[in-house]
Amino acid sequence: MPYIALSLGLASAVLVCCYGGIWLGLPAVVTGFIGMRNADSDPGQYSGRGLAVAGMVLGIITFLASFIFLIFGLLAR
């Protein structure tokens, strides 16, 4: 899960100009939260808490940035 969260977070950061943060940022946040919770509950079996947090942070930032771009785009019409 942490690797998926980080991959989605990075992809959303690349596609933030094309509103990719909305469609990729939110799943990055969800998978990052699940991965972080797994790593906290059983550290012997699950690892990658830092990767999960990084994916979550990237997902949140790009989701908010894409949402702001969308709002400004609608207001500019």
N, C-alpha and C. Protein backbone atom coordinates (compact mmCIF):
# COMPACT_ATOMS: atom_id res chain seq x y z
N MET A 1 0.80 -1.20 0.00
CA MET A 1 0.00 0.00 0.00
C MET A 1 0.85 1.27 0.00
N PRO A 2 1.94 1.34 0.77
CA PRO A 2 2.73 2.57 0.74
C PRO A 2 3.32 2.88 -0.63
N TYR A 3 3.72 1.85 -1.36
CA TYR A 3 4.28 2.07 -2.68
C TYR A 3 3.21 2.57 -3.66
N ILE A 4 2.01 2.04 -3.52
CA ILE A 4 0.91 2.49 -4.36
C ILE A 4 0.56 3.94 -4.04
N ALA A 5 0.54 4.28 -2.75
CA ALA A 5 0.22 5.65 -2.34
C ALA A 5 1.26 6.62 -2.87
N LEU A 6 2.53 6.25 -2.78
CA LEU A 6 3.58 7.13 -3.28
C LEU A 6 3.51 7.26 -4.79
N SER A 7 3.24 6.17 -5.48
CA SER A 7 3.13 6.22 -6.95
C SER A 7 1.96 7.10 -7.38
N LEU A 8 0.82 6.95 -6.72
CA LEU A 8 -0.32 7.79 -7.05
C LEU A 8 -0.05 9.26 -6.70
N GLY A 9 0.63 9.49 -5.60
CA GLY A 9 0.97 10.86 -5.22
C GLY A 9 1.91 11.52 -6.21
N LEU A 10 2.90 10.78 -6.69
CA LEU A 10 3.82 11.32 -7.68
C LEU A 10 3.12 11.56 -9.01
N ALA A 11 2.27 10.63 -9.41
CA ALA A 11 1.53 10.80 -10.66
C ALA A 11 0.59 12.00 -10.57
N SER A 12 -0.02 12.20 -9.44
CA SER A 12 -0.91 13.34 -9.28
C SER A 12 -0.12 14.65 -9.28
N ALA A 13 1.11 14.63 -8.77
CA ALA A 13 1.94 15.83 -8.79
C ALA A 13 2.34 16.19 -10.23
N VAL A 14 2.57 15.18 -11.05
CA VAL A 14 2.93 15.42 -12.44
C VAL A 14 1.72 15.93 -13.23
N LEU A 15 0.54 15.40 -12.94
CA LEU A 15 -0.66 15.74 -13.69
C LEU A 15 -1.54 16.78 -13.00
N VAL A 16 -0.98 17.54 -12.08
CA VAL A 16 -1.78 18.53 -11.35
C VAL A 16 -2.31 19.60 -12.29
N CYS A 17 -1.59 19.91 -13.36
CA CYS A 17 -2.04 20.93 -14.31
C CYS A 17 -3.25 20.46 -15.11
N CYS A 18 -3.43 19.17 -15.23
CA CYS A 18 -4.54 18.59 -16.01
C CYS A 18 -5.63 18.05 -15.10
N TYR A 19 -5.73 18.59 -13.90
CA TYR A 19 -6.69 18.16 -12.88
C TYR A 19 -6.48 16.70 -12.48
N GLY A 20 -5.26 16.20 -12.64
CA GLY A 20 -4.95 14.84 -12.21
C GLY A 20 -4.90 14.69 -10.71
N GLY A 21 -4.75 15.80 -10.02
CA GLY A 21 -4.74 15.75 -8.57
C GLY A 21 -6.06 15.34 -7.98
N ILE A 22 -7.14 15.64 -8.70
CA ILE A 22 -8.45 15.25 -8.20
C ILE A 22 -8.63 13.74 -8.33
N TRP A 23 -8.26 13.20 -9.47
CA TRP A 23 -8.52 11.78 -9.74
C TRP A 23 -7.43 10.87 -9.20
N LEU A 24 -6.24 11.39 -8.98
CA LEU A 24 -5.15 10.57 -8.44
C LEU A 24 -4.78 10.95 -7.01
N GLY A 25 -5.03 12.18 -6.62
CA GLY A 25 -4.67 12.63 -5.28
C GLY A 25 -5.52 12.01 -4.19
N LEU A 26 -6.80 11.93 -4.44
CA LEU A 26 -7.70 11.34 -3.45
C LEU A 26 -7.40 9.86 -3.20
N PRO A 27 -7.21 9.04 -4.24
CA PRO A 27 -6.81 7.65 -3.97
C PRO A 27 -5.45 7.54 -3.28
N ALA A 28 -4.54 8.49 -3.55
CA ALA A 28 -3.25 8.48 -2.86
C ALA A 28 -3.43 8.72 -1.37
N VAL A 29 -4.34 9.60 -1.02
CA VAL A 29 -4.61 9.88 0.39
C VAL A 29 -5.20 8.65 1.08
N VAL A 30 -6.16 8.02 0.41
CA VAL A 30 -6.83 6.86 1.01
C VAL A 30 -5.87 5.69 1.16
N THR A 31 -5.12 5.36 0.11
CA THR A 31 -4.18 4.23 0.22
C THR A 31 -3.03 4.56 1.17
N GLY A 32 -2.62 5.81 1.24
CA GLY A 32 -1.59 6.20 2.19
C GLY A 32 -2.06 6.05 3.62
N PHE A 33 -3.31 6.42 3.87
CA PHE A 33 -3.87 6.27 5.22
C PHE A 33 -3.96 4.79 5.61
N ILE A 34 -4.41 3.96 4.67
CA ILE A 34 -4.50 2.52 4.95
C ILE A 34 -3.11 1.94 5.19
N GLY A 35 -2.15 2.33 4.36
CA GLY A 35 -0.78 1.83 4.54
C GLY A 35 -0.16 2.29 5.84
N MET A 36 -0.41 3.53 6.23
CA MET A 36 0.12 4.04 7.49
C MET A 36 -0.53 3.33 8.67
N ARG A 37 -1.82 3.09 8.58
CA ARG A 37 -2.51 2.38 9.67
C ARG A 37 -2.01 0.94 9.79
N ASN A 38 -1.78 0.28 8.67
CA ASN A 38 -1.23 -1.08 8.71
C ASN A 38 0.16 -1.09 9.34
N ALA A 39 0.99 -0.13 8.97
CA ALA A 39 2.35 -0.08 9.52
C ALA A 39 2.34 0.23 11.02
N ASP A 40 1.38 1.01 11.45
CA ASP A 40 1.28 1.33 12.88
C ASP A 40 0.75 0.14 13.69
N SER A 41 -0.18 -0.61 13.12
CA SER A 41 -0.79 -1.69 13.88
C SER A 41 0.11 -2.92 13.99
N ASP A 42 0.87 -3.23 12.93
CA ASP A 42 1.74 -4.41 12.95
C ASP A 42 3.04 -4.10 12.23
N PRO A 43 3.99 -3.45 12.92
CA PRO A 43 5.24 -3.06 12.26
C PRO A 43 6.11 -4.24 11.84
N GLY A 44 5.91 -5.39 12.42
CA GLY A 44 6.69 -6.56 12.03
C GLY A 44 6.31 -7.08 10.66
N GLN A 45 5.05 -6.97 10.32
CA GLN A 45 4.57 -7.49 9.04
C GLN A 45 4.55 -6.41 7.95
N TYR A 46 4.18 -5.19 8.32
CA TYR A 46 4.05 -4.11 7.34
C TYR A 46 5.14 -3.08 7.57
N SER A 47 5.66 -2.55 6.50
CA SER A 47 6.65 -1.49 6.60
C SER A 47 6.27 -0.38 5.62
N GLY A 48 7.07 0.64 5.55
CA GLY A 48 6.83 1.72 4.61
C GLY A 48 5.95 2.83 5.13
N ARG A 49 6.00 3.07 6.43
CA ARG A 49 5.18 4.14 6.99
C ARG A 49 5.55 5.49 6.39
N GLY A 50 6.82 5.73 6.20
CA GLY A 50 7.28 7.00 5.61
C GLY A 50 6.80 7.17 4.18
N LEU A 51 6.81 6.09 3.41
CA LEU A 51 6.32 6.15 2.05
C LEU A 51 4.82 6.45 2.02
N ALA A 52 4.10 5.85 2.94
CA ALA A 52 2.66 6.09 3.02
C ALA A 52 2.36 7.55 3.38
N VAL A 53 3.13 8.09 4.31
CA VAL A 53 2.94 9.49 4.70
C VAL A 53 3.28 10.41 3.53
N ALA A 54 4.36 10.11 2.82
CA ALA A 54 4.75 10.93 1.66
C ALA A 54 3.67 10.90 0.58
N GLY A 55 3.11 9.73 0.32
CA GLY A 55 2.03 9.62 -0.65
C GLY A 55 0.80 10.39 -0.22
N MET A 56 0.50 10.32 1.07
CA MET A 56 -0.65 11.07 1.60
C MET A 56 -0.44 12.57 1.46
N VAL A 57 0.73 13.05 1.81
CA VAL A 57 1.01 14.48 1.74
C VAL A 57 0.94 14.97 0.30
N LEU A 58 1.56 14.23 -0.62
CA LEU A 58 1.50 14.61 -2.03
C LEU A 58 0.06 14.59 -2.54
N GLY A 59 -0.69 13.58 -2.13
CA GLY A 59 -2.09 13.50 -2.55
C GLY A 59 -2.92 14.66 -2.05
N ILE A 60 -2.72 15.04 -0.80
CA ILE A 60 -3.48 16.16 -0.23
C ILE A 60 -3.13 17.46 -0.94
N ILE A 61 -1.84 17.70 -1.12
CA ILE A 61 -1.41 18.95 -1.75
C ILE A 61 -1.92 19.04 -3.18
N THR A 62 -1.77 17.98 -3.95
CA THR A 62 -2.20 18.04 -5.35
C THR A 62 -3.72 18.04 -5.48
N PHE A 63 -4.41 17.38 -4.57
CA PHE A 63 -5.88 17.43 -4.60
C PHE A 63 -6.36 18.84 -4.36
N LEU A 64 -5.81 19.50 -3.36
CA LEU A 64 -6.21 20.87 -3.06
C LEU A 64 -5.82 21.82 -4.19
N ALA A 65 -4.62 21.64 -4.76
CA ALA A 65 -4.18 22.51 -5.86
C ALA A 65 -5.08 22.33 -7.08
N SER A 66 -5.41 21.10 -7.42
CA SER A 66 -6.30 20.86 -8.56
C SER A 66 -7.69 21.43 -8.32
N PHE A 67 -8.16 21.31 -7.10
CA PHE A 67 -9.48 21.86 -6.76
C PHE A 67 -9.47 23.38 -6.88
N ILE A 68 -8.40 24.02 -6.44
CA ILE A 68 -8.28 25.48 -6.55
C ILE A 68 -8.19 25.88 -8.02
N PHE A 69 -7.40 25.14 -8.82
CA PHE A 69 -7.32 25.43 -10.26
C PHE A 69 -8.70 25.30 -10.91
N LEU A 70 -9.45 24.31 -10.51
CA LEU A 70 -10.79 24.09 -11.06
C LEU A 70 -11.71 25.25 -10.71
N ILE A 71 -11.67 25.69 -9.47
CA ILE A 71 -12.50 26.80 -9.02
C ILE A 71 -12.14 28.09 -9.78
N PHE A 72 -10.82 28.37 -9.90
CA PHE A 72 -10.40 29.57 -10.63
C PHE A 72 -10.77 29.48 -12.10
N GLY A 73 -10.69 28.28 -12.67
CA GLY A 73 -11.07 28.09 -14.07
C GLY A 73 -12.55 28.34 -14.30
N LEU A 74 -13.37 27.91 -13.36
CA LEU A 74 -14.81 28.15 -13.48
C LEU A 74 -15.16 29.62 -13.26
N LEU A 75 -14.44 30.27 -12.35
CA LEU A 75 -14.71 31.69 -12.09
C LEU A 75 -14.20 32.58 -13.21
N ALA A 76 -13.21 32.14 -13.95
CA ALA A 76 -12.65 32.95 -15.03
C ALA A 76 -13.57 33.00 -16.23
N ARG A 77 -14.49 32.07 -16.34
CA ARG A 77 -15.43 32.09 -17.47
C ARG A 77 -16.32 33.24 -17.29
